[in-house]
Structure formats: structure tokens, C-alpha cells
Amino acid sequence: MTPSREAWHAFLRSRRSVRRFAPRPVPREVLTRVLDTARWAPSAHNRQPWRFVVLEAEGAARRALAQAMADAFRRDLEADGLPEAEIAARVQRARQRLLEAPVAVLLAADRATMDPYPDERRRQAEYTMLIQSAALAGLQLLLAAHAEGLAGVWTCGPLFVPDLVRQVLDLPATWEPQAMFYLGYPARIPPPPPRLPLDALVQWR
């Protein structure tokens, strides 16, 4: 039987951002279904600019990226003048999240899919469409994971060091790292976070 409209809305609203996962591997076929559904997200001009890099749990690429990003994060925090104890704690937490997540997926946006324009106004609009399209695939990935009984969280670390990520993972020059997704079976589902009231977000004209 097809789920009711209410059931679909309840499902979409039940997704949570989860950072702690059970020590249970995610089967390859499950992750493949998630990625396959993520590629069905809408995109501007149907260019499908999203690119995914799955970092194997015990792979050298994930370890190398975790160390490189941790070193860069430390340099930024030191430049901010934070106390050493806080720097060490934050760097270690970020590094362990990447190393310990059952699944880590990097989302990139491929600039090679963009239309060229002679003027800056349209070039900027085209770039914005690229980023928005990639972001839609990221949400689709999280919802597909949710449908599989997985939990996940979006993290922004790659945005701060895109060249570093591209270099460590040996990605094509046109791939712009956008986000890292951590996925796995949840250790705990957090309670619903507060949401702004609809009236504060919508204008009817």
C-alpha cells in the first residue's frame, strides 16, 4: 500500500543530523542505493554537476585527508588566537569524526558542467546554480540514507580547504569540494531541533 500523504510528511520531518554512529558497517549495496538515489536530484539545465567520492573506512585516502585537514584546522585556530587546550580538543574531535564514521562521502561540484558567459553577472548566476544543484544532491543523499534506516550529518570542512582536499584526493581540477557527509546506523536519535514558525519564513503576496 502506498504511504499516505501524512506518512510522507512525517518521514521527511523525522530526519535528524546525527554525529554518533553504532559500530556497524554499512553494506556496499545499501550505500550504492543511497548514491543512486542522490543522483536523481534536480539540477539547473539538468547538468547533474554533483560528484561523489566515497572514502573507504580503513583506506589510506581517508587517513591522509583526516591528517591534512586537521593540520589546516589547527593552523586556522592558532591564527584565531584560541587557547591550546581548546585547539587540541576541537582538532581531535574533527579528526576523529572523519576517521571513525562508518561512511564518509565527499560532495563536489564540477565546474566543467557550467555554461560560459562573457559577462560577470551571468557567470555569477551560473556558478550559483552550480552550487545550488550540488546542494540539492546533498539533501537527496541524506533523505535516501534516511530511507535506508541510516543517519547522517552534513559538515562544511571541505569548503575551507578546497585546494587541499582536491590535492590529497587527487581530484580533477574542475571538481570543487563542497561538503562531507558522515553516514551510518545511529547510536542515538536526537530529539527534534527547534524550528522557526512558518509565519516568520513565508510571505504571501
N, C-alpha and C. Protein backbone atom coordinates (compact mmCIF):
# COMPACT_ATOMS: atom_id res chain seq x y z
N MET A 1 0.84 -1.19 0.00
CA MET A 1 0.00 0.00 0.00
C MET A 1 0.88 1.26 0.00
N THR A 2 0.52 2.21 -0.81
CA THR A 2 1.27 3.45 -0.88
C THR A 2 1.11 4.24 0.41
N PRO A 3 2.22 4.73 0.99
CA PRO A 3 2.09 5.53 2.22
C PRO A 3 1.22 6.76 1.99
N SER A 4 0.54 7.18 3.02
CA SER A 4 -0.34 8.34 2.93
C SER A 4 0.49 9.62 2.84
N ARG A 5 -0.19 10.68 2.45
CA ARG A 5 0.46 11.99 2.41
C ARG A 5 1.04 12.34 3.79
N GLU A 6 0.26 12.06 4.83
CA GLU A 6 0.72 12.36 6.19
C GLU A 6 1.97 11.57 6.54
N ALA A 7 2.00 10.30 6.10
CA ALA A 7 3.16 9.46 6.39
C ALA A 7 4.42 9.99 5.70
N TRP A 8 4.26 10.45 4.46
CA TRP A 8 5.41 11.01 3.75
C TRP A 8 5.93 12.26 4.46
N HIS A 9 5.03 13.13 4.86
CA HIS A 9 5.47 14.34 5.56
C HIS A 9 6.14 13.99 6.88
N ALA A 10 5.59 13.03 7.59
CA ALA A 10 6.18 12.61 8.87
C ALA A 10 7.58 12.05 8.65
N PHE A 11 7.74 11.27 7.57
CA PHE A 11 9.06 10.71 7.26
C PHE A 11 10.07 11.82 6.98
N LEU A 12 9.70 12.79 6.15
CA LEU A 12 10.62 13.87 5.80
C LEU A 12 10.99 14.70 7.02
N ARG A 13 10.03 14.91 7.90
CA ARG A 13 10.30 15.71 9.09
C ARG A 13 11.06 14.95 10.16
N SER A 14 11.17 13.64 10.03
CA SER A 14 11.83 12.84 11.06
C SER A 14 13.33 12.71 10.86
N ARG A 15 13.86 13.20 9.74
CA ARG A 15 15.30 13.12 9.53
C ARG A 15 16.02 14.01 10.54
N ARG A 16 17.12 13.50 11.11
CA ARG A 16 17.90 14.25 12.08
C ARG A 16 19.37 14.27 11.67
N SER A 17 20.07 15.28 12.13
CA SER A 17 21.53 15.31 11.96
C SER A 17 22.15 14.52 13.10
N VAL A 18 22.85 13.44 12.75
CA VAL A 18 23.41 12.52 13.74
C VAL A 18 24.92 12.44 13.55
N ARG A 19 25.65 12.56 14.64
CA ARG A 19 27.11 12.52 14.59
C ARG A 19 27.71 11.31 15.28
N ARG A 20 26.90 10.54 15.97
CA ARG A 20 27.40 9.36 16.68
C ARG A 20 26.72 8.13 16.10
N PHE A 21 27.55 7.18 15.71
CA PHE A 21 27.03 6.01 14.99
C PHE A 21 27.36 4.72 15.73
N ALA A 22 26.52 3.74 15.53
CA ALA A 22 26.76 2.41 16.07
C ALA A 22 27.93 1.76 15.34
N PRO A 23 28.70 0.90 16.02
CA PRO A 23 29.84 0.22 15.36
C PRO A 23 29.35 -0.90 14.45
N ARG A 24 28.67 -0.52 13.41
CA ARG A 24 28.07 -1.47 12.49
C ARG A 24 28.35 -1.02 11.07
N PRO A 25 28.98 -1.83 10.26
CA PRO A 25 29.31 -1.41 8.90
C PRO A 25 28.06 -1.24 8.04
N VAL A 26 28.15 -0.35 7.07
CA VAL A 26 27.07 -0.14 6.11
C VAL A 26 27.36 -1.00 4.88
N PRO A 27 26.48 -1.93 4.53
CA PRO A 27 26.74 -2.78 3.36
C PRO A 27 26.90 -1.96 2.09
N ARG A 28 27.78 -2.43 1.21
CA ARG A 28 28.04 -1.72 -0.04
C ARG A 28 26.77 -1.52 -0.85
N GLU A 29 25.88 -2.53 -0.87
CA GLU A 29 24.66 -2.41 -1.67
C GLU A 29 23.73 -1.32 -1.12
N VAL A 30 23.74 -1.13 0.21
CA VAL A 30 22.93 -0.07 0.80
C VAL A 30 23.47 1.29 0.38
N LEU A 31 24.78 1.47 0.50
CA LEU A 31 25.38 2.75 0.13
C LEU A 31 25.21 3.01 -1.36
N THR A 32 25.28 1.98 -2.17
CA THR A 32 25.09 2.15 -3.61
C THR A 32 23.68 2.65 -3.91
N ARG A 33 22.68 2.11 -3.22
CA ARG A 33 21.31 2.60 -3.43
C ARG A 33 21.18 4.06 -3.02
N VAL A 34 21.82 4.43 -1.93
CA VAL A 34 21.78 5.82 -1.47
C VAL A 34 22.36 6.76 -2.53
N LEU A 35 23.53 6.41 -3.04
CA LEU A 35 24.17 7.25 -4.05
C LEU A 35 23.38 7.27 -5.36
N ASP A 36 22.78 6.14 -5.69
CA ASP A 36 21.99 6.06 -6.92
C ASP A 36 20.77 6.97 -6.83
N THR A 37 20.16 7.03 -5.66
CA THR A 37 19.01 7.92 -5.48
C THR A 37 19.46 9.38 -5.41
N ALA A 38 20.62 9.64 -4.83
CA ALA A 38 21.11 11.02 -4.74
C ALA A 38 21.28 11.64 -6.11
N ARG A 39 21.65 10.84 -7.10
CA ARG A 39 21.88 11.39 -8.44
C ARG A 39 20.60 11.77 -9.16
N TRP A 40 19.44 11.45 -8.56
CA TRP A 40 18.16 11.84 -9.15
C TRP A 40 17.66 13.19 -8.64
N ALA A 41 18.51 13.91 -7.96
CA ALA A 41 18.15 15.26 -7.53
C ALA A 41 17.96 16.17 -8.75
N PRO A 42 17.17 17.22 -8.60
CA PRO A 42 17.05 18.18 -9.70
C PRO A 42 18.30 19.03 -9.82
N SER A 43 18.56 19.51 -11.04
CA SER A 43 19.71 20.40 -11.25
C SER A 43 19.41 21.38 -12.37
N ALA A 44 20.07 22.52 -12.31
CA ALA A 44 19.90 23.54 -13.35
C ALA A 44 20.33 22.98 -14.70
N HIS A 45 19.49 23.15 -15.71
CA HIS A 45 19.74 22.66 -17.07
C HIS A 45 19.95 21.14 -17.12
N ASN A 46 19.61 20.44 -16.04
CA ASN A 46 19.85 19.00 -15.93
C ASN A 46 21.32 18.66 -16.17
N ARG A 47 22.23 19.54 -15.72
CA ARG A 47 23.65 19.30 -15.92
C ARG A 47 24.22 18.27 -14.93
N GLN A 48 23.53 18.02 -13.83
CA GLN A 48 23.94 17.00 -12.87
C GLN A 48 25.40 17.19 -12.45
N PRO A 49 25.73 18.32 -11.85
CA PRO A 49 27.14 18.64 -11.60
C PRO A 49 27.73 17.95 -10.37
N TRP A 50 26.93 17.22 -9.63
CA TRP A 50 27.42 16.60 -8.40
C TRP A 50 28.40 15.47 -8.71
N ARG A 51 29.40 15.38 -7.87
CA ARG A 51 30.38 14.30 -7.94
C ARG A 51 30.59 13.79 -6.51
N PHE A 52 30.66 12.49 -6.35
CA PHE A 52 30.79 11.90 -5.02
C PHE A 52 32.11 11.13 -4.92
N VAL A 53 32.77 11.27 -3.79
CA VAL A 53 33.97 10.50 -3.50
C VAL A 53 33.73 9.75 -2.19
N VAL A 54 33.65 8.43 -2.27
CA VAL A 54 33.44 7.61 -1.08
C VAL A 54 34.80 7.27 -0.49
N LEU A 55 35.01 7.66 0.75
CA LEU A 55 36.29 7.41 1.42
C LEU A 55 36.18 6.13 2.23
N GLU A 56 36.90 5.10 1.81
CA GLU A 56 36.83 3.81 2.47
C GLU A 56 37.20 3.94 3.95
N ALA A 57 36.51 3.17 4.79
CA ALA A 57 36.65 3.30 6.25
C ALA A 57 38.09 3.10 6.71
N GLU A 58 38.78 2.15 6.14
CA GLU A 58 40.15 1.87 6.55
C GLU A 58 41.16 2.26 5.47
N GLY A 59 40.74 3.12 4.56
CA GLY A 59 41.59 3.43 3.42
C GLY A 59 42.64 4.49 3.72
N ALA A 60 43.71 4.44 2.94
CA ALA A 60 44.78 5.42 3.09
C ALA A 60 44.31 6.83 2.75
N ALA A 61 43.38 6.96 1.80
CA ALA A 61 42.90 8.28 1.40
C ALA A 61 42.20 8.98 2.56
N ARG A 62 41.38 8.22 3.29
CA ARG A 62 40.68 8.86 4.41
C ARG A 62 41.66 9.28 5.50
N ARG A 63 42.63 8.44 5.79
CA ARG A 63 43.61 8.79 6.82
C ARG A 63 44.42 10.01 6.41
N ALA A 64 44.83 10.05 5.15
CA ALA A 64 45.61 11.18 4.68
C ALA A 64 44.81 12.47 4.72
N LEU A 65 43.55 12.39 4.32
CA LEU A 65 42.71 13.59 4.33
C LEU A 65 42.44 14.06 5.76
N ALA A 66 42.18 13.12 6.67
CA ALA A 66 41.93 13.49 8.06
C ALA A 66 43.13 14.22 8.65
N GLN A 67 44.33 13.75 8.37
CA GLN A 67 45.52 14.40 8.92
C GLN A 67 45.74 15.77 8.28
N ALA A 68 45.59 15.86 6.97
CA ALA A 68 45.81 17.13 6.29
C ALA A 68 44.79 18.18 6.73
N MET A 69 43.53 17.79 6.84
CA MET A 69 42.51 18.75 7.27
C MET A 69 42.70 19.13 8.73
N ALA A 70 43.14 18.19 9.56
CA ALA A 70 43.40 18.50 10.97
C ALA A 70 44.53 19.51 11.10
N ASP A 71 45.58 19.33 10.31
CA ASP A 71 46.70 20.28 10.35
C ASP A 71 46.25 21.67 9.91
N ALA A 72 45.44 21.73 8.85
CA ALA A 72 44.96 23.03 8.37
C ALA A 72 44.03 23.68 9.40
N PHE A 73 43.18 22.88 10.02
CA PHE A 73 42.26 23.38 11.04
C PHE A 73 43.05 23.95 12.22
N ARG A 74 44.10 23.24 12.61
CA ARG A 74 44.93 23.73 13.71
C ARG A 74 45.56 25.08 13.36
N ARG A 75 46.08 25.21 12.16
CA ARG A 75 46.68 26.49 11.77
C ARG A 75 45.67 27.63 11.83
N ASP A 76 44.45 27.37 11.39
CA ASP A 76 43.42 28.41 11.43
C ASP A 76 43.09 28.80 12.86
N LEU A 77 42.95 27.81 13.74
CA LEU A 77 42.60 28.10 15.13
C LEU A 77 43.74 28.82 15.84
N GLU A 78 44.97 28.45 15.52
CA GLU A 78 46.11 29.15 16.11
C GLU A 78 46.12 30.61 15.66
N ALA A 79 45.81 30.85 14.39
CA ALA A 79 45.75 32.22 13.88
C ALA A 79 44.63 33.01 14.55
N ASP A 80 43.57 32.31 14.96
CA ASP A 80 42.46 32.96 15.67
C ASP A 80 42.82 33.28 17.11
N GLY A 81 43.93 32.75 17.60
CA GLY A 81 44.36 33.05 18.96
C GLY A 81 43.67 32.25 20.04
N LEU A 82 43.11 31.10 19.70
CA LEU A 82 42.43 30.28 20.71
C LEU A 82 43.43 29.62 21.65
N PRO A 83 43.01 29.31 22.88
CA PRO A 83 43.90 28.60 23.81
C PRO A 83 44.26 27.22 23.27
N GLU A 84 45.46 26.76 23.59
CA GLU A 84 45.95 25.48 23.08
C GLU A 84 45.03 24.32 23.45
N ALA A 85 44.51 24.32 24.65
CA ALA A 85 43.65 23.21 25.08
C ALA A 85 42.40 23.13 24.21
N GLU A 86 41.83 24.29 23.90
CA GLU A 86 40.63 24.30 23.05
C GLU A 86 40.98 23.89 21.62
N ILE A 87 42.12 24.36 21.13
CA ILE A 87 42.55 23.98 19.78
C ILE A 87 42.71 22.47 19.69
N ALA A 88 43.42 21.89 20.66
CA ALA A 88 43.68 20.45 20.62
C ALA A 88 42.38 19.67 20.65
N ALA A 89 41.43 20.10 21.49
CA ALA A 89 40.15 19.37 21.61
C ALA A 89 39.35 19.46 20.32
N ARG A 90 39.29 20.64 19.73
CA ARG A 90 38.49 20.81 18.51
C ARG A 90 39.11 20.07 17.32
N VAL A 91 40.43 20.13 17.22
CA VAL A 91 41.10 19.44 16.12
C VAL A 91 40.94 17.93 16.26
N GLN A 92 41.11 17.42 17.48
CA GLN A 92 40.98 15.99 17.68
C GLN A 92 39.55 15.52 17.39
N ARG A 93 38.57 16.30 17.80
CA ARG A 93 37.17 15.93 17.56
C ARG A 93 36.88 15.88 16.07
N ALA A 94 37.33 16.88 15.33
CA ALA A 94 37.09 16.90 13.88
C ALA A 94 37.79 15.73 13.19
N ARG A 95 39.01 15.44 13.61
CA ARG A 95 39.77 14.35 13.00
C ARG A 95 39.12 13.00 13.28
N GLN A 96 38.69 12.79 14.51
CA GLN A 96 38.09 11.50 14.87
C GLN A 96 36.76 11.29 14.15
N ARG A 97 36.00 12.34 13.95
CA ARG A 97 34.73 12.19 13.23
C ARG A 97 34.96 11.66 11.83
N LEU A 98 35.96 12.19 11.17
CA LEU A 98 36.25 11.72 9.81
C LEU A 98 36.79 10.30 9.83
N LEU A 99 37.64 9.98 10.79
CA LEU A 99 38.24 8.66 10.83
C LEU A 99 37.26 7.57 11.27
N GLU A 100 36.33 7.92 12.16
CA GLU A 100 35.50 6.89 12.79
C GLU A 100 34.13 6.71 12.16
N ALA A 101 33.69 7.61 11.32
CA ALA A 101 32.36 7.46 10.70
C ALA A 101 32.34 6.20 9.84
N PRO A 102 31.28 5.40 9.93
CA PRO A 102 31.20 4.20 9.09
C PRO A 102 31.32 4.52 7.60
N VAL A 103 30.73 5.63 7.19
CA VAL A 103 30.80 6.06 5.79
C VAL A 103 31.13 7.55 5.75
N ALA A 104 32.04 7.93 4.89
CA ALA A 104 32.35 9.34 4.65
C ALA A 104 32.28 9.57 3.14
N VAL A 105 31.44 10.53 2.76
CA VAL A 105 31.25 10.83 1.33
C VAL A 105 31.53 12.31 1.10
N LEU A 106 32.48 12.58 0.23
CA LEU A 106 32.75 13.96 -0.16
C LEU A 106 31.84 14.32 -1.33
N LEU A 107 31.20 15.48 -1.25
CA LEU A 107 30.40 16.01 -2.34
C LEU A 107 31.18 17.14 -3.01
N ALA A 108 31.32 17.04 -4.32
CA ALA A 108 31.98 18.10 -5.09
C ALA A 108 31.05 18.57 -6.20
N ALA A 109 31.28 19.79 -6.66
CA ALA A 109 30.54 20.35 -7.79
C ALA A 109 31.51 20.53 -8.95
N ASP A 110 31.16 20.02 -10.11
CA ASP A 110 32.05 20.03 -11.27
C ASP A 110 31.81 21.28 -12.12
N ARG A 111 32.78 22.19 -12.09
CA ARG A 111 32.66 23.44 -12.87
C ARG A 111 32.63 23.20 -14.37
N ALA A 112 33.08 22.03 -14.80
CA ALA A 112 33.08 21.73 -16.23
C ALA A 112 31.68 21.64 -16.81
N THR A 113 30.67 21.52 -15.95
CA THR A 113 29.28 21.43 -16.42
C THR A 113 28.66 22.80 -16.65
N MET A 114 29.36 23.87 -16.32
CA MET A 114 28.78 25.21 -16.39
C MET A 114 28.77 25.75 -17.82
N ASP A 115 27.75 26.57 -18.11
CA ASP A 115 27.73 27.31 -19.37
C ASP A 115 28.65 28.52 -19.27
N PRO A 116 29.41 28.84 -20.33
CA PRO A 116 30.26 30.04 -20.31
C PRO A 116 29.45 31.28 -20.70
N TYR A 117 29.75 32.40 -20.06
CA TYR A 117 29.10 33.67 -20.40
C TYR A 117 30.17 34.75 -20.46
N PRO A 118 30.00 35.76 -21.31
CA PRO A 118 31.02 36.81 -21.44
C PRO A 118 30.96 37.85 -20.31
N ASP A 119 29.85 37.92 -19.58
CA ASP A 119 29.68 38.96 -18.56
C ASP A 119 29.66 38.34 -17.17
N GLU A 120 30.14 39.14 -16.19
CA GLU A 120 30.28 38.67 -14.83
C GLU A 120 28.93 38.36 -14.19
N ARG A 121 27.89 39.11 -14.51
CA ARG A 121 26.58 38.89 -13.89
C ARG A 121 26.07 37.49 -14.17
N ARG A 122 26.13 37.07 -15.42
CA ARG A 122 25.63 35.74 -15.76
C ARG A 122 26.59 34.63 -15.32
N ARG A 123 27.89 34.94 -15.33
CA ARG A 123 28.84 33.95 -14.82
C ARG A 123 28.57 33.65 -13.35
N GLN A 124 28.27 34.70 -12.58
CA GLN A 124 27.98 34.51 -11.16
C GLN A 124 26.68 33.74 -10.97
N ALA A 125 25.67 34.05 -11.78
CA ALA A 125 24.41 33.32 -11.68
C ALA A 125 24.61 31.84 -12.03
N GLU A 126 25.41 31.57 -13.02
CA GLU A 126 25.68 30.18 -13.42
C GLU A 126 26.41 29.44 -12.31
N TYR A 127 27.35 30.12 -11.66
CA TYR A 127 28.07 29.49 -10.55
C TYR A 127 27.14 29.22 -9.37
N THR A 128 26.26 30.16 -9.09
CA THR A 128 25.29 29.94 -8.02
C THR A 128 24.41 28.74 -8.32
N MET A 129 23.98 28.59 -9.57
CA MET A 129 23.17 27.43 -9.95
C MET A 129 23.95 26.13 -9.76
N LEU A 130 25.26 26.18 -10.06
CA LEU A 130 26.11 25.01 -9.84
C LEU A 130 26.08 24.58 -8.38
N ILE A 131 26.29 25.53 -7.48
CA ILE A 131 26.35 25.23 -6.06
C ILE A 131 24.98 24.78 -5.55
N GLN A 132 23.92 25.45 -5.98
CA GLN A 132 22.58 25.06 -5.56
C GLN A 132 22.25 23.64 -6.03
N SER A 133 22.63 23.31 -7.24
CA SER A 133 22.36 21.97 -7.77
C SER A 133 23.09 20.91 -6.95
N ALA A 134 24.35 21.16 -6.64
CA ALA A 134 25.11 20.21 -5.83
C ALA A 134 24.49 20.06 -4.45
N ALA A 135 24.03 21.17 -3.88
CA ALA A 135 23.42 21.12 -2.55
C ALA A 135 22.14 20.27 -2.57
N LEU A 136 21.37 20.35 -3.64
CA LEU A 136 20.17 19.53 -3.74
C LEU A 136 20.52 18.05 -3.74
N ALA A 137 21.61 17.69 -4.38
CA ALA A 137 22.04 16.29 -4.36
C ALA A 137 22.47 15.88 -2.96
N GLY A 138 23.05 16.81 -2.21
CA GLY A 138 23.42 16.51 -0.83
C GLY A 138 22.20 16.21 0.03
N LEU A 139 21.16 17.01 -0.11
CA LEU A 139 19.93 16.74 0.64
C LEU A 139 19.31 15.42 0.21
N GLN A 140 19.31 15.18 -1.10
CA GLN A 140 18.76 13.92 -1.61
C GLN A 140 19.53 12.73 -1.02
N LEU A 141 20.83 12.87 -0.88
CA LEU A 141 21.64 11.81 -0.30
C LEU A 141 21.23 11.55 1.15
N LEU A 142 21.04 12.61 1.93
CA LEU A 142 20.63 12.44 3.32
C LEU A 142 19.26 11.79 3.44
N LEU A 143 18.34 12.17 2.57
CA LEU A 143 17.00 11.57 2.62
C LEU A 143 17.03 10.11 2.17
N ALA A 144 17.86 9.81 1.16
CA ALA A 144 17.99 8.42 0.73
C ALA A 144 18.59 7.57 1.84
N ALA A 145 19.57 8.11 2.55
CA ALA A 145 20.14 7.39 3.69
C ALA A 145 19.09 7.16 4.77
N HIS A 146 18.29 8.16 5.02
CA HIS A 146 17.21 8.06 6.00
C HIS A 146 16.23 6.95 5.62
N ALA A 147 15.95 6.83 4.33
CA ALA A 147 15.04 5.78 3.86
C ALA A 147 15.62 4.39 4.09
N GLU A 148 16.95 4.29 4.18
CA GLU A 148 17.61 3.01 4.41
C GLU A 148 17.80 2.70 5.89
N GLY A 149 17.29 3.57 6.75
CA GLY A 149 17.50 3.38 8.18
C GLY A 149 18.83 3.90 8.68
N LEU A 150 19.54 4.62 7.82
CA LEU A 150 20.80 5.24 8.21
C LEU A 150 20.54 6.64 8.75
N ALA A 151 21.52 7.16 9.42
CA ALA A 151 21.51 8.56 9.83
C ALA A 151 22.73 9.22 9.25
N GLY A 152 22.74 10.53 9.27
CA GLY A 152 23.88 11.22 8.69
C GLY A 152 23.94 12.67 9.11
N VAL A 153 25.02 13.31 8.74
CA VAL A 153 25.20 14.72 9.03
C VAL A 153 26.02 15.36 7.92
N TRP A 154 25.68 16.59 7.60
CA TRP A 154 26.43 17.40 6.63
C TRP A 154 27.47 18.19 7.40
N THR A 155 28.71 18.22 6.90
CA THR A 155 29.75 19.04 7.51
C THR A 155 30.41 19.91 6.44
N CYS A 156 30.92 21.05 6.87
CA CYS A 156 31.37 22.06 5.91
C CYS A 156 32.88 22.15 5.78
N GLY A 157 33.64 21.30 6.46
CA GLY A 157 35.09 21.41 6.46
C GLY A 157 35.73 21.57 5.09
N PRO A 158 35.33 20.79 4.07
CA PRO A 158 35.97 20.91 2.76
C PRO A 158 35.86 22.30 2.14
N LEU A 159 34.85 23.07 2.51
CA LEU A 159 34.70 24.41 1.95
C LEU A 159 35.85 25.32 2.34
N PHE A 160 36.46 25.06 3.50
CA PHE A 160 37.52 25.94 3.99
C PHE A 160 38.89 25.59 3.40
N VAL A 161 39.02 24.37 2.88
CA VAL A 161 40.31 23.96 2.32
C VAL A 161 40.10 23.19 1.01
N PRO A 162 39.42 23.78 0.04
CA PRO A 162 39.09 23.03 -1.18
C PRO A 162 40.32 22.58 -1.96
N ASP A 163 41.34 23.43 -2.04
CA ASP A 163 42.54 23.05 -2.79
C ASP A 163 43.25 21.89 -2.11
N LEU A 164 43.29 21.91 -0.79
CA LEU A 164 43.92 20.84 -0.04
C LEU A 164 43.20 19.52 -0.27
N VAL A 165 41.87 19.55 -0.18
CA VAL A 165 41.09 18.33 -0.38
C VAL A 165 41.31 17.79 -1.79
N ARG A 166 41.28 18.68 -2.77
CA ARG A 166 41.48 18.27 -4.16
C ARG A 166 42.86 17.63 -4.35
N GLN A 167 43.87 18.22 -3.71
CA GLN A 167 45.23 17.71 -3.86
C GLN A 167 45.38 16.34 -3.19
N VAL A 168 44.91 16.21 -1.94
CA VAL A 168 45.09 14.96 -1.20
C VAL A 168 44.37 13.81 -1.88
N LEU A 169 43.17 14.09 -2.41
CA LEU A 169 42.38 13.03 -3.04
C LEU A 169 42.64 12.90 -4.53
N ASP A 170 43.52 13.75 -5.06
CA ASP A 170 43.88 13.71 -6.48
C ASP A 170 42.63 13.82 -7.37
N LEU A 171 41.84 14.86 -7.11
CA LEU A 171 40.61 15.08 -7.85
C LEU A 171 40.87 15.93 -9.09
N PRO A 172 39.99 15.84 -10.09
CA PRO A 172 40.12 16.72 -11.26
C PRO A 172 40.08 18.20 -10.85
N ALA A 173 40.76 19.02 -11.60
CA ALA A 173 40.88 20.44 -11.26
C ALA A 173 39.54 21.15 -11.24
N THR A 174 38.56 20.65 -11.99
CA THR A 174 37.26 21.32 -12.06
C THR A 174 36.31 20.89 -10.93
N TRP A 175 36.70 19.93 -10.12
CA TRP A 175 35.83 19.47 -9.03
C TRP A 175 36.04 20.38 -7.82
N GLU A 176 35.01 21.07 -7.39
CA GLU A 176 35.09 21.94 -6.22
C GLU A 176 34.48 21.23 -5.01
N PRO A 177 35.27 20.86 -4.00
CA PRO A 177 34.73 20.23 -2.80
C PRO A 177 33.73 21.15 -2.10
N GLN A 178 32.58 20.59 -1.76
CA GLN A 178 31.51 21.37 -1.16
C GLN A 178 31.17 20.95 0.26
N ALA A 179 31.19 19.66 0.53
CA ALA A 179 30.74 19.18 1.84
C ALA A 179 31.23 17.76 2.06
N MET A 180 31.21 17.36 3.33
CA MET A 180 31.48 15.97 3.69
C MET A 180 30.25 15.45 4.43
N PHE A 181 29.82 14.27 4.04
CA PHE A 181 28.68 13.63 4.70
C PHE A 181 29.17 12.41 5.46
N TYR A 182 28.79 12.33 6.73
CA TYR A 182 29.07 11.16 7.54
C TYR A 182 27.77 10.37 7.67
N LEU A 183 27.82 9.09 7.37
CA LEU A 183 26.64 8.25 7.39
C LEU A 183 26.91 6.98 8.19
N GLY A 184 25.84 6.44 8.78
CA GLY A 184 25.96 5.18 9.49
C GLY A 184 24.66 4.88 10.21
N TYR A 185 24.63 3.75 10.88
CA TYR A 185 23.47 3.41 11.69
C TYR A 185 23.58 4.19 13.00
N PRO A 186 22.54 4.90 13.39
CA PRO A 186 22.66 5.82 14.52
C PRO A 186 22.84 5.11 15.85
N ALA A 187 23.71 5.68 16.68
CA ALA A 187 23.81 5.21 18.06
C ALA A 187 22.65 5.75 18.89
N ARG A 188 22.17 6.93 18.51
CA ARG A 188 21.04 7.56 19.21
C ARG A 188 20.43 8.58 18.28
N ILE A 189 19.10 8.67 18.29
CA ILE A 189 18.40 9.68 17.50
C ILE A 189 18.13 10.88 18.40
N PRO A 190 18.66 12.03 18.07
CA PRO A 190 18.42 13.20 18.93
C PRO A 190 16.98 13.69 18.81
N PRO A 191 16.54 14.45 19.80
CA PRO A 191 15.18 15.00 19.73
C PRO A 191 15.08 16.04 18.62
N PRO A 192 13.87 16.36 18.20
CA PRO A 192 13.71 17.36 17.13
C PRO A 192 14.29 18.70 17.55
N PRO A 193 15.06 19.34 16.67
CA PRO A 193 15.59 20.67 16.99
C PRO A 193 14.48 21.71 16.84
N PRO A 194 14.64 22.87 17.48
CA PRO A 194 13.63 23.91 17.32
C PRO A 194 13.59 24.42 15.89
N ARG A 195 12.42 24.82 15.46
CA ARG A 195 12.24 25.38 14.13
C ARG A 195 11.53 26.73 14.24
N LEU A 196 11.93 27.66 13.38
CA LEU A 196 11.23 28.94 13.33
C LEU A 196 9.80 28.72 12.88
N PRO A 197 8.86 29.51 13.38
CA PRO A 197 7.47 29.35 12.94
C PRO A 197 7.32 29.67 11.46
N LEU A 198 6.39 29.01 10.81
CA LEU A 198 6.20 29.20 9.38
C LEU A 198 5.89 30.65 9.03
N ASP A 199 5.13 31.33 9.89
CA ASP A 199 4.76 32.72 9.60
C ASP A 199 5.98 33.65 9.54
N ALA A 200 7.07 33.25 10.21
CA ALA A 200 8.28 34.07 10.18
C ALA A 200 9.10 33.85 8.92
N LEU A 201 8.74 32.84 8.15
CA LEU A 201 9.54 32.45 6.98
C LEU A 201 8.85 32.68 5.64
N VAL A 202 7.55 32.87 5.66
CA VAL A 202 6.78 32.91 4.43
C VAL A 202 6.04 34.22 4.30
N GLN A 203 6.08 34.78 3.12
CA GLN A 203 5.24 35.95 2.79
C GLN A 203 4.30 35.56 1.67
N TRP A 204 3.06 35.88 1.79
CA TRP A 204 2.06 35.60 0.77
C TRP A 204 1.74 36.91 0.06
N ARG A 205 1.94 36.97 -1.22
CA ARG A 205 1.72 38.20 -1.98
C ARG A 205 0.63 38.01 -3.03
